[in-house]
């Protein structure tokens, strides 16, 4: 039966696939914004951009505003997603080396 929980894990597997599929492809998003910039430069209307690139009218309007204020560079994006790391590469390497020494090297009674 559709929607029935079987206990076999099928539902959770489907949820995992859905979550994985939700990840952003930052290069593809950037490419779509660059296409919009080219279209604006060619004199295309915001509604044409929205329809052709399959984005909302609000998104096309926001891109147009950014493009008029800063050109194509304004649509390139931040280049990364998520928070900036709090630790630099040197600090991460120190932590890695300490972890490789194991728990006993840091005063624990067992290696667990």
PDB file of N, CA and C in Angstrom:
ATOM      1  N   UNK A   1       0.835  -1.183   0.000  1.00  0.00           N
ATOM      2  CA  UNK A   1       0.000   0.000   0.000  1.00  0.00           C
ATOM      3  C   UNK A   1       0.874   1.238   0.000  1.00  0.00           C
ATOM      4  N   UNK A   2       0.462   2.237  -0.749  1.00  0.00           N
ATOM      5  CA  UNK A   2       1.218   3.483  -0.832  1.00  0.00           C
ATOM      6  C   UNK A   2       1.156   4.211   0.494  1.00  0.00           C
ATOM      7  N   UNK A   3       2.295   4.718   0.930  1.00  0.00           N
ATOM      8  CA  UNK A   3       2.348   5.505   2.152  1.00  0.00           C
ATOM      9  C   UNK A   3       2.449   4.665   3.408  1.00  0.00           C
ATOM     10  N   UNK A   4       2.375   3.347   3.283  1.00  0.00           N
ATOM     11  CA  UNK A   4       2.444   2.477   4.446  1.00  0.00           C
ATOM     12  C   UNK A   4       3.891   2.307   4.878  1.00  0.00           C
ATOM     13  N   UNK A   5       4.104   2.405   6.182  1.00  0.00           N
ATOM     14  CA  UNK A   5       5.440   2.195   6.714  1.00  0.00           C
ATOM     15  C   UNK A   5       5.670   0.703   6.846  1.00  0.00           C
ATOM     16  N   UNK A   6       6.725   0.223   6.222  1.00  0.00           N
ATOM     17  CA  UNK A   6       6.985  -1.210   6.204  1.00  0.00           C
ATOM     18  C   UNK A   6       8.013  -1.625   7.239  1.00  0.00           C
ATOM     19  N   UNK A   7       8.737  -0.683   7.789  1.00  0.00           N
ATOM     20  CA  UNK A   7       9.769  -1.026   8.747  1.00  0.00           C
ATOM     21  C   UNK A   7      11.033  -1.524   8.089  1.00  0.00           C
ATOM     22  N   UNK A   8      11.063  -1.579   6.768  1.00  0.00           N
ATOM     23  CA  UNK A   8      12.227  -2.095   6.060  1.00  0.00           C
ATOM     24  C   UNK A   8      13.272  -1.016   5.792  1.00  0.00           C
ATOM     25  N   UNK A   9      12.953   0.214   6.163  1.00  0.00           N
ATOM     26  CA  UNK A   9      13.898   1.287   5.929  1.00  0.00           C
ATOM     27  C   UNK A   9      13.729   1.970   4.594  1.00  0.00           C
ATOM     28  N   UNK A  10      12.746   1.533   3.806  1.00  0.00           N
ATOM     29  CA  UNK A  10      12.547   2.123   2.484  1.00  0.00           C
ATOM     30  C   UNK A  10      12.237   3.610   2.568  1.00  0.00           C
ATOM     31  N   UNK A  11      11.392   3.971   3.530  1.00  0.00           N
ATOM     32  CA  UNK A  11      11.000   5.372   3.646  1.00  0.00           C
ATOM     33  C   UNK A  11      12.204   6.238   4.021  1.00  0.00           C
ATOM     34  N   UNK A  12      13.022   5.768   4.966  1.00  0.00           N
ATOM     35  CA  UNK A  12      14.178   6.554   5.365  1.00  0.00           C
ATOM     36  C   UNK A  12      15.202   6.639   4.237  1.00  0.00           C
ATOM     37  N   UNK A  13      15.338   5.578   3.439  1.00  0.00           N
ATOM     38  CA  UNK A  13      16.248   5.615   2.302  1.00  0.00           C
ATOM     39  C   UNK A  13      15.799   6.664   1.292  1.00  0.00           C
ATOM     40  N   UNK A  14      14.494   6.714   1.043  1.00  0.00           N
ATOM     41  CA  UNK A  14      13.965   7.708   0.108  1.00  0.00           C
ATOM     42  C   UNK A  14      14.226   9.114   0.632  1.00  0.00           C
ATOM     43  N   UNK A  15      14.096   9.292   1.920  1.00  0.00           N
ATOM     44  CA  UNK A  15      14.342  10.603   2.520  1.00  0.00           C
ATOM     45  C   UNK A  15      15.814  10.987   2.366  1.00  0.00           C
ATOM     46  N   UNK A  16      16.711  10.027   2.539  1.00  0.00           N
ATOM     47  CA  UNK A  16      18.134  10.303   2.388  1.00  0.00           C
ATOM     48  C   UNK A  16      18.461  10.733   0.966  1.00  0.00           C
ATOM     49  N   UNK A  17      17.881  10.058  -0.001  1.00  0.00           N
ATOM     50  CA  UNK A  17      18.118  10.411  -1.397  1.00  0.00           C
ATOM     51  C   UNK A  17      17.615  11.817  -1.661  1.00  0.00           C
ATOM     52  N   UNK A  18      16.453  12.137  -1.134  1.00  0.00           N
ATOM     53  CA  UNK A  18      15.880  13.465  -1.331  1.00  0.00           C
ATOM     54  C   UNK A  18      16.800  14.524  -0.737  1.00  0.00           C
ATOM     55  N   UNK A  19      17.336  14.287   0.453  1.00  0.00           N
ATOM     56  CA  UNK A  19      18.226  15.243   1.086  1.00  0.00           C
ATOM     57  C   UNK A  19      19.503  15.410   0.282  1.00  0.00           C
ATOM     58  N   UNK A  20      20.057  14.312  -0.216  1.00  0.00           N
ATOM     59  CA  UNK A  20      21.268  14.411  -1.022  1.00  0.00           C
ATOM     60  C   UNK A  20      21.010  15.203  -2.285  1.00  0.00           C
ATOM     61  N   UNK A  21      19.856  15.018  -2.891  1.00  0.00           N
ATOM     62  CA  UNK A  21      19.517  15.722  -4.109  1.00  0.00           C
ATOM     63  C   UNK A  21      19.306  17.209  -3.882  1.00  0.00           C
ATOM     64  N   UNK A  22      19.072  17.606  -2.641  1.00  0.00           N
ATOM     65  CA  UNK A  22      18.799  19.002  -2.332  1.00  0.00           C
ATOM     66  C   UNK A  22      20.074  19.833  -2.257  1.00  0.00           C
ATOM     67  N   UNK A  23      21.220  19.193  -2.270  1.00  0.00           N
ATOM     68  CA  UNK A  23      22.473  19.956  -2.232  1.00  0.00           C
ATOM     69  C   UNK A  23      22.572  20.865  -3.439  1.00  0.00           C
ATOM     70  N   UNK A  24      23.180  22.003  -3.231  1.00  0.00           N
ATOM     71  CA  UNK A  24      23.290  22.971  -4.310  1.00  0.00           C
ATOM     72  C   UNK A  24      24.508  22.700  -5.176  1.00  0.00           C
ATOM     73  N   UNK A  25      24.313  22.848  -6.440  1.00  0.00           N
ATOM     74  CA  UNK A  25      25.412  22.804  -7.383  1.00  0.00           C
ATOM     75  C   UNK A  25      25.791  24.259  -7.638  1.00  0.00           C
ATOM     76  N   UNK A  26      26.765  24.754  -6.892  1.00  0.00           N
ATOM     77  CA  UNK A  26      27.109  26.175  -6.937  1.00  0.00           C
ATOM     78  C   UNK A  26      27.576  26.624  -8.319  1.00  0.00           C
ATOM     79  N   UNK A  27      28.266  25.744  -9.034  1.00  0.00           N
ATOM     80  CA  UNK A  27      28.717  26.105 -10.379  1.00  0.00           C
ATOM     81  C   UNK A  27      27.534  26.269 -11.329  1.00  0.00           C
ATOM     82  N   UNK A  28      26.541  25.381 -11.203  1.00  0.00           N
ATOM     83  CA  UNK A  28      25.366  25.472 -12.063  1.00  0.00           C
ATOM     84  C   UNK A  28      24.561  26.733 -11.751  1.00  0.00           C
ATOM     85  N   UNK A  29      24.451  27.072 -10.469  1.00  0.00           N
ATOM     86  CA  UNK A  29      23.730  28.290 -10.091  1.00  0.00           C
ATOM     87  C   UNK A  29      24.438  29.528 -10.634  1.00  0.00           C
ATOM     88  N   UNK A  30      25.766  29.537 -10.514  1.00  0.00           N
ATOM     89  CA  UNK A  30      26.541  30.663 -11.039  1.00  0.00           C
ATOM     90  C   UNK A  30      26.363  30.774 -12.550  1.00  0.00           C
ATOM     91  N   UNK A  31      26.400  29.635 -13.232  1.00  0.00           N
ATOM     92  CA  UNK A  31      26.242  29.633 -14.688  1.00  0.00           C
ATOM     93  C   UNK A  31      24.882  30.190 -15.094  1.00  0.00           C
ATOM     94  N   UNK A  32      23.851  29.853 -14.348  1.00  0.00           N
ATOM     95  CA  UNK A  32      22.520  30.360 -14.659  1.00  0.00           C
ATOM     96  C   UNK A  32      22.452  31.874 -14.466  1.00  0.00           C
ATOM     97  N   UNK A  33      23.101  32.379 -13.414  1.00  0.00           N
ATOM     98  CA  UNK A  33      23.138  33.840 -13.214  1.00  0.00           C
ATOM     99  C   UNK A  33      23.925  34.519 -14.327  1.00  0.00           C
ATOM    100  N   UNK A  34      25.000  33.888 -14.804  1.00  0.00           N
ATOM    101  CA  UNK A  34      25.779  34.464 -15.894  1.00  0.00           C
ATOM    102  C   UNK A  34      24.969  34.469 -17.195  1.00  0.00           C
ATOM    103  N   UNK A  35      24.149  33.443 -17.397  1.00  0.00           N
ATOM    104  CA  UNK A  35      23.256  33.432 -18.559  1.00  0.00           C
ATOM    105  C   UNK A  35      22.283  34.602 -18.467  1.00  0.00           C
ATOM    106  N   UNK A  36      21.779  34.855 -17.263  1.00  0.00           N
ATOM    107  CA  UNK A  36      20.858  35.972 -17.064  1.00  0.00           C
ATOM    108  C   UNK A  36      21.554  37.294 -17.392  1.00  0.00           C
ATOM    109  N   UNK A  37      22.807  37.442 -16.966  1.00  0.00           N
ATOM    110  CA  UNK A  37      23.548  38.673 -17.256  1.00  0.00           C
ATOM    111  C   UNK A  37      23.697  38.877 -18.760  1.00  0.00           C
ATOM    112  N   UNK A  38      24.007  37.791 -19.471  1.00  0.00           N
ATOM    113  CA  UNK A  38      24.128  37.882 -20.931  1.00  0.00           C
ATOM    114  C   UNK A  38      22.795  38.271 -21.569  1.00  0.00           C
ATOM    115  N   UNK A  39      21.724  37.711 -21.053  1.00  0.00           N
ATOM    116  CA  UNK A  39      20.407  38.019 -21.590  1.00  0.00           C
ATOM    117  C   UNK A  39      20.039  39.480 -21.336  1.00  0.00           C
ATOM    118  N   UNK A  40      20.336  39.977 -20.119  1.00  0.00           N
ATOM    119  CA  UNK A  40      20.064  41.384 -19.813  1.00  0.00           C
ATOM    120  C   UNK A  40      20.882  42.297 -20.724  1.00  0.00           C
ATOM    121  N   UNK A  41      22.149  41.932 -20.934  1.00  0.00           N
ATOM    122  CA  UNK A  41      23.023  42.736 -21.789  1.00  0.00           C
ATOM    123  C   UNK A  41      22.508  42.756 -23.234  1.00  0.00           C
ATOM    124  N   UNK A  42      21.837  41.691 -23.640  1.00  0.00           N
ATOM    125  CA  UNK A  42      21.283  41.614 -24.995  1.00  0.00           C
ATOM    126  C   UNK A  42      19.923  42.309 -25.103  1.00  0.00           C
ATOM    127  N   UNK A  43      19.467  42.897 -23.997  1.00  0.00           N
ATOM    128  CA  UNK A  43      18.207  43.632 -24.023  1.00  0.00           C
ATOM    129  C   UNK A  43      16.972  42.818 -23.718  1.00  0.00           C
ATOM    130  N   UNK A  44      17.166  41.600 -23.242  1.00  0.00           N
ATOM    131  CA  UNK A  44      16.017  40.752 -22.920  1.00  0.00           C
ATOM    132  C   UNK A  44      15.299  41.271 -21.679  1.00  0.00           C
ATOM    133  N   UNK A  45      13.989  41.058 -21.614  1.00  0.00           N
ATOM    134  CA  UNK A  45      13.185  41.505 -20.485  1.00  0.00           C
ATOM    135  C   UNK A  45      13.328  40.537 -19.318  1.00  0.00           C
ATOM    136  N   UNK A  46      13.032  41.046 -18.114  1.00  0.00           N
ATOM    137  CA  UNK A  46      13.114  40.219 -16.919  1.00  0.00           C
ATOM    138  C   UNK A  46      12.210  38.996 -17.025  1.00  0.00           C
ATOM    139  N   UNK A  47      11.012  39.174 -17.550  1.00  0.00           N
ATOM    140  CA  UNK A  47      10.074  38.055 -17.657  1.00  0.00           C
ATOM    141  C   UNK A  47      10.612  36.986 -18.608  1.00  0.00           C
ATOM    142  N   UNK A  48      11.312  37.404 -19.662  1.00  0.00           N
ATOM    143  CA  UNK A  48      11.914  36.442 -20.588  1.00  0.00           C
ATOM    144  C   UNK A  48      12.990  35.620 -19.878  1.00  0.00           C
ATOM    145  N   UNK A  49      13.788  36.297 -19.065  1.00  0.00           N
ATOM    146  CA  UNK A  49      14.846  35.622 -18.298  1.00  0.00           C
ATOM    147  C   UNK A  49      14.220  34.626 -17.329  1.00  0.00           C
ATOM    148  N   UNK A  50      13.171  35.066 -16.632  1.00  0.00           N
ATOM    149  CA  UNK A  50      12.508  34.195 -15.661  1.00  0.00           C
ATOM    150  C   UNK A  50      11.966  32.935 -16.322  1.00  0.00           C
ATOM    151  N   UNK A  51      11.314  33.095 -17.459  1.00  0.00           N
ATOM    152  CA  UNK A  51      10.717  31.947 -18.148  1.00  0.00           C
ATOM    153  C   UNK A  51      11.794  31.025 -18.704  1.00  0.00           C
ATOM    154  N   UNK A  52      12.764  31.593 -19.396  1.00  0.00           N
ATOM    155  CA  UNK A  52      13.777  30.765 -20.050  1.00  0.00           C
ATOM    156  C   UNK A  52      14.672  30.035 -19.051  1.00  0.00           C
ATOM    157  N   UNK A  53      15.019  30.700 -17.938  1.00  0.00           N
ATOM    158  CA  UNK A  53      15.906  30.082 -16.955  1.00  0.00           C
ATOM    159  C   UNK A  53      15.144  29.370 -15.842  1.00  0.00           C
ATOM    160  N   UNK A  54      13.806  29.382 -15.941  1.00  0.00           N
ATOM    161  CA  UNK A  54      12.948  28.692 -14.977  1.00  0.00           C
ATOM    162  C   UNK A  54      13.190  29.152 -13.545  1.00  0.00           C
ATOM    163  N   UNK A  55      13.166  30.478 -13.358  1.00  0.00           N
ATOM    164  CA  UNK A  55      13.270  31.065 -12.027  1.00  0.00           C
ATOM    165  C   UNK A  55      12.043  31.946 -11.815  1.00  0.00           C
ATOM    166  N   UNK A  56      11.824  32.353 -10.578  1.00  0.00           N
ATOM    167  CA  UNK A  56      10.680  33.211 -10.287  1.00  0.00           C
ATOM    168  C   UNK A  56      10.916  34.619 -10.841  1.00  0.00           C
ATOM    169  N   UNK A  57       9.829  35.355 -10.993  1.00  0.00           N
ATOM    170  CA  UNK A  57       9.944  36.733 -11.449  1.00  0.00           C
ATOM    171  C   UNK A  57      10.719  37.568 -10.430  1.00  0.00           C
ATOM    172  N   UNK A  58      10.542  37.253  -9.152  1.00  0.00           N
ATOM    173  CA  UNK A  58      11.267  37.974  -8.103  1.00  0.00           C
ATOM    174  C   UNK A  58      12.776  37.753  -8.232  1.00  0.00           C
ATOM    175  N   UNK A  59      13.167  36.529  -8.536  1.00  0.00           N
ATOM    176  CA  UNK A  59      14.587  36.233  -8.712  1.00  0.00           C
ATOM    177  C   UNK A  59      15.141  36.978  -9.915  1.00  0.00           C
ATOM    178  N   UNK A  60      14.413  36.956 -11.026  1.00  0.00           N
ATOM    179  CA  UNK A  60      14.861  37.667 -12.223  1.00  0.00           C
ATOM    180  C   UNK A  60      14.964  39.165 -11.943  1.00  0.00           C
ATOM    181  N   UNK A  61      14.026  39.704 -11.181  1.00  0.00           N
ATOM    182  CA  UNK A  61      14.056  41.120 -10.826  1.00  0.00           C
ATOM    183  C   UNK A  61      15.268  41.446  -9.954  1.00  0.00           C
ATOM    184  N   UNK A  62      15.547  40.563  -8.975  1.00  0.00           N
ATOM    185  CA  UNK A  62      16.711  40.772  -8.098  1.00  0.00           C
ATOM    186  C   UNK A  62      18.004  40.698  -8.901  1.00  0.00           C
ATOM    187  N   UNK A  63      18.102  39.723  -9.815  1.00  0.00           N
ATOM    188  CA  UNK A  63      19.285  39.612 -10.657  1.00  0.00           C
ATOM    189  C   UNK A  63      19.444  40.854 -11.533  1.00  0.00           C
ATOM    190  N   UNK A  64      18.333  41.342 -12.080  1.00  0.00           N
ATOM    191  CA  UNK A  64      18.398  42.531 -12.932  1.00  0.00           C
ATOM    192  C   UNK A  64      18.912  43.732 -12.147  1.00  0.00           C
ATOM    193  N   UNK A  65      18.398  43.903 -10.946  1.00  0.00           N
ATOM    194  CA  UNK A  65      18.843  45.014 -10.095  1.00  0.00           C
ATOM    195  C   UNK A  65      20.344  44.888  -9.798  1.00  0.00           C
ATOM    196  N   UNK A  66      20.783  43.694  -9.434  1.00  0.00           N
ATOM    197  CA  UNK A  66      22.201  43.472  -9.155  1.00  0.00           C
ATOM    198  C   UNK A  66      23.039  43.727 -10.406  1.00  0.00           C
ATOM    199  N   UNK A  67      22.542  43.290 -11.550  1.00  0.00           N
ATOM    200  CA  UNK A  67      23.267  43.466 -12.806  1.00  0.00           C
ATOM    201  C   UNK A  67      23.381  44.948 -13.166  1.00  0.00           C
ATOM    202  N   UNK A  68      22.292  45.709 -12.996  1.00  0.00           N
ATOM    203  CA  UNK A  68      22.354  47.139 -13.335  1.00  0.00           C
ATOM    204  C   UNK A  68      23.275  47.893 -12.394  1.00  0.00           C
ATOM    205  N   UNK A  69      23.374  47.468 -11.158  1.00  0.00           N
ATOM    206  CA  UNK A  69      24.213  48.152 -10.169  1.00  0.00           C
ATOM    207  C   UNK A  69      25.680  47.741 -10.236  1.00  0.00           C
ATOM    208  N   UNK A  70      25.953  46.474 -10.621  1.00  0.00           N
ATOM    209  CA  UNK A  70      27.331  46.003 -10.559  1.00  0.00           C
ATOM    210  C   UNK A  70      27.803  45.186 -11.739  1.00  0.00           C
ATOM    211  N   UNK A  71      27.000  45.085 -12.777  1.00  0.00           N
ATOM    212  CA  UNK A  71      27.407  44.315 -13.944  1.00  0.00           C
ATOM    213  C   UNK A  71      27.411  42.820 -13.671  1.00  0.00           C
ATOM    214  N   UNK A  72      28.029  42.084 -14.568  1.00  0.00           N
ATOM    215  CA  UNK A  72      28.075  40.623 -14.446  1.00  0.00           C
ATOM    216  C   UNK A  72      28.774  40.168 -13.174  1.00  0.00           C
ATOM    217  N   UNK A  73      29.757  40.950 -12.735  1.00  0.00           N
ATOM    218  CA  UNK A  73      30.506  40.579 -11.531  1.00  0.00           C
ATOM    219  C   UNK A  73      29.587  40.500 -10.313  1.00  0.00           C
ATOM    220  N   UNK A  74      28.551  41.333 -10.286  1.00  0.00           N
ATOM    221  CA  UNK A  74      27.624  41.336  -9.155  1.00  0.00           C
ATOM    222  C   UNK A  74      26.816  40.039  -9.081  1.00  0.00           C
ATOM    223  N   UNK A  75      26.729  39.321 -10.183  1.00  0.00           N
ATOM    224  CA  UNK A  75      25.966  38.073 -10.209  1.00  0.00           C
ATOM    225  C   UNK A  75      26.830  36.834 -10.037  1.00  0.00           C
ATOM    226  N   UNK A  76      28.122  37.014  -9.901  1.00  0.00           N
ATOM    227  CA  UNK A  76      29.008  35.847  -9.783  1.00  0.00           C
ATOM    228  C   UNK A  76      28.796  35.081  -8.496  1.00  0.00           C
ATOM    229  N   UNK A  77      28.422  35.737  -7.427  1.00  0.00           N
ATOM    230  CA  UNK A  77      28.167  35.049  -6.162  1.00  0.00           C
ATOM    231  C   UNK A  77      29.376  35.063  -5.263  1.00  0.00           C
ATOM    232  N   UNK A  78      29.161  34.546  -4.075  1.00  0.00           N
ATOM    233  CA  UNK A  78      30.187  34.562  -3.039  1.00  0.00           C
ATOM    234  C   UNK A  78      31.291  33.541  -3.281  1.00  0.00           C
ATOM    235  N   UNK A  79      31.004  32.506  -4.051  1.00  0.00           N
ATOM    236  CA  UNK A  79      32.017  31.511  -4.346  1.00  0.00           C
ATOM    237  C   UNK A  79      32.074  30.360  -3.369  1.00  0.00           C
ATOM    238  N   UNK A  80      31.347  30.467  -2.282  1.00  0.00           N
ATOM    239  CA  UNK A  80      31.317  29.364  -1.337  1.00  0.00           C
ATOM    240  C   UNK A  80      30.010  29.428  -0.576  1.00  0.00           C
ATOM    241  N   UNK A  81      29.638  28.318   0.013  1.00  0.00           N
ATOM    242  CA  UNK A  81      28.420  28.263   0.811  1.00  0.00           C
ATOM    243  C   UNK A  81      28.784  27.898   2.246  1.00  0.00           C
ATOM    244  N   UNK A  82      27.954  28.287   3.142  1.00  0.00           N
ATOM    245  CA  UNK A  82      28.163  27.929   4.541  1.00  0.00           C
ATOM    246  C   UNK A  82      29.027  28.925   5.277  1.00  0.00           C
ATOM    247  N   UNK A  83      29.229  28.616   6.514  1.00  0.00           N
ATOM    248  CA  UNK A  83      30.023  29.487   7.377  1.00  0.00           C
ATOM    249  C   UNK A  83      31.494  29.400   7.017  1.00  0.00           C
ATOM    250  N   UNK A  84      32.186  30.458   7.305  1.00  0.00           N
ATOM    251  CA  UNK A  84      33.637  30.445   7.132  1.00  0.00           C
ATOM    252  C   UNK A  84      34.236  29.618   8.275  1.00  0.00           C
ATOM    253  N   UNK A  85      35.292  28.860   7.996  1.00  0.00           N
ATOM    254  CA  UNK A  85      35.893  28.044   9.051  1.00  0.00           C
ATOM    255  C   UNK A  85      36.496  28.911  10.146  1.00  0.00           C
ATOM    256  N   UNK A  86      36.372  28.443  11.378  1.00  0.00           N
ATOM    257  CA  UNK A  86      36.937  29.178  12.518  1.00  0.00           C
ATOM    258  C   UNK A  86      38.427  28.887  12.689  1.00  0.00           C
ATOM    259  N   UNK A  87      38.855  27.730  12.192  1.00  0.00           N
ATOM    260  CA  UNK A  87      40.255  27.339  12.325  1.00  0.00           C
ATOM    261  C   UNK A  87      40.942  27.441  10.975  1.00  0.00           C
ATOM    262  N   UNK A  88      42.203  27.876  11.004  1.00  0.00           N
ATOM    263  CA  UNK A  88      42.959  27.903   9.756  1.00  0.00           C
ATOM    264  C   UNK A  88      43.628  26.545   9.543  1.00  0.00           C
ATOM    265  N   UNK A  89      44.282  26.376   8.422  1.00  0.00           N
ATOM    266  CA  UNK A  89      44.883  25.080   8.077  1.00  0.00           C
ATOM    267  C   UNK A  89      45.939  24.642   9.087  1.00  0.00           C
ATOM    268  N   UNK A  90      46.698  25.583   9.624  1.00  0.00           N
ATOM    269  CA  UNK A  90      47.733  25.249  10.609  1.00  0.00           C
ATOM    270  C   UNK A  90      47.106  24.703  11.884  1.00  0.00           C
ATOM    271  N   UNK A  91      46.054  25.329  12.360  1.00  0.00           N
ATOM    272  CA  UNK A  91      45.376  24.865  13.569  1.00  0.00           C
ATOM    273  C   UNK A  91      44.759  23.489  13.364  1.00  0.00           C
ATOM    274  N   UNK A  92      44.192  23.251  12.213  1.00  0.00           N
ATOM    275  CA  UNK A  92      43.598  21.940  11.921  1.00  0.00           C
ATOM    276  C   UNK A  92      44.683  20.871  11.892  1.00  0.00           C
ATOM    277  N   UNK A  93      45.840  21.186  11.350  1.00  0.00           N
ATOM    278  CA  UNK A  93      46.942  20.226  11.308  1.00  0.00           C
ATOM    279  C   UNK A  93      47.425  19.884  12.718  1.00  0.00           C
ATOM    280  N   UNK A  94      47.510  20.864  13.617  1.00  0.00           N
ATOM    281  CA  UNK A  94      47.907  20.611  15.006  1.00  0.00           C
ATOM    282  C   UNK A  94      46.914  19.648  15.659  1.00  0.00           C
ATOM    283  N   UNK A  95      45.631  19.892  15.468  1.00  0.00           N
ATOM    284  CA  UNK A  95      44.603  19.021  16.041  1.00  0.00           C
ATOM    285  C   UNK A  95      44.723  17.612  15.472  1.00  0.00           C
ATOM    286  N   UNK A  96      44.955  17.512  14.184  1.00  0.00           N
ATOM    287  CA  UNK A  96      45.102  16.206  13.551  1.00  0.00           C
ATOM    288  C   UNK A  96      46.265  15.432  14.165  1.00  0.00           C
ATOM    289  N   UNK A  97      47.376  16.090  14.335  1.00  0.00           N
ATOM    290  CA  UNK A  97      48.557  15.440  14.928  1.00  0.00           C
ATOM    291  C   UNK A  97      48.274  14.989  16.363  1.00  0.00           C
ATOM    292  N   UNK A  98      47.590  15.817  17.134  1.00  0.00           N
ATOM    293  CA  UNK A  98      47.251  15.459  18.521  1.00  0.00           C
ATOM    294  C   UNK A  98      46.322  14.248  18.548  1.00  0.00           C
ATOM    295  N   UNK A  99      45.341  14.220  17.666  1.00  0.00           N
ATOM    296  CA  UNK A  99      44.416  13.086  17.613  1.00  0.00           C
ATOM    297  C   UNK A  99      45.128  11.800  17.224  1.00  0.00           C
ATOM    298  N   UNK A 100      46.104  11.890  16.333  1.00  0.00           N
ATOM    299  CA  UNK A 100      46.846  10.702  15.907  1.00  0.00           C
ATOM    300  C   UNK A 100      47.687  10.110  17.041  1.00  0.00           C
ATOM    301  N   UNK A 101      48.045  10.920  18.025  1.00  0.00           N
ATOM    302  CA  UNK A 101      48.812  10.411  19.175  1.00  0.00           C
ATOM    303  C   UNK A 101      47.959   9.498  20.048  1.00  0.00           C
ATOM    304  N   UNK A 102      46.668   9.668  20.000  1.00  0.00           N
ATOM    305  CA  UNK A 102      45.753   8.794  20.737  1.00  0.00           C
ATOM    306  C   UNK A 102      45.418   9.303  22.116  1.00  0.00           C
ATOM    307  N   UNK A 103      44.433   8.671  22.762  1.00  0.00           N
ATOM    308  CA  UNK A 103      43.964   9.118  24.077  1.00  0.00           C
ATOM    309  C   UNK A 103      44.998   8.975  25.188  1.00  0.00           C
ATOM    310  N   UNK A 104      45.791   7.913  25.161  1.00  0.00           N
ATOM    311  CA  UNK A 104      46.763   7.690  26.245  1.00  0.00           C
ATOM    312  C   UNK A 104      47.797   8.805  26.325  1.00  0.00           C
ATOM    313  N   UNK A 105      48.182   9.342  25.171  1.00  0.00           N
ATOM    314  CA  UNK A 105      49.168  10.432  25.142  1.00  0.00           C
ATOM    315  C   UNK A 105      48.621  11.698  25.805  1.00  0.00           C
ATOM    316  N   UNK A 106      47.320  11.733  26.009  1.00  0.00           N
ATOM    317  CA  UNK A 106      46.690  12.917  26.596  1.00  0.00           C
ATOM    318  C   UNK A 106      46.097  12.625  27.967  1.00  0.00           C
ATOM    319  N   UNK A 107      46.598  11.564  28.629  1.00  0.00           N
ATOM    320  CA  UNK A 107      46.235  11.307  30.020  1.00  0.00           C
ATOM    321  C   UNK A 107      45.045  10.386  30.252  1.00  0.00           C
ATOM    322  N   UNK A 108      44.504   9.793  29.221  1.00  0.00           N
ATOM    323  CA  UNK A 108      43.391   8.871  29.419  1.00  0.00           C
ATOM    324  C   UNK A 108      43.943   7.484  29.708  1.00  0.00           C
ATOM    325  N   UNK A 109      43.205   6.698  30.509  1.00  0.00           N
ATOM    326  CA  UNK A 109      43.665   5.388  30.957  1.00  0.00           C
ATOM    327  C   UNK A 109      43.634   4.350  29.859  1.00  0.00           C
ATOM    328  N   UNK A 110      42.726   4.477  28.922  1.00  0.00           N
ATOM    329  CA  UNK A 110      42.620   3.476  27.854  1.00  0.00           C
ATOM    330  C   UNK A 110      42.769   4.143  26.491  1.00  0.00           C
ATOM    331  N   UNK A 111      42.837   3.302  25.485  1.00  0.00           N
ATOM    332  CA  UNK A 111      42.968   3.820  24.133  1.00  0.00           C
ATOM    333  C   UNK A 111      41.625   4.136  23.480  1.00  0.00           C
ATOM    334  N   UNK A 112      40.558   4.043  24.259  1.00  0.00           N
ATOM    335  CA  UNK A 112      39.226   4.279  23.709  1.00  0.00           C
ATOM    336  C   UNK A 112      38.844   5.745  23.882  1.00  0.00           C
TER     337      UNK A 112
END
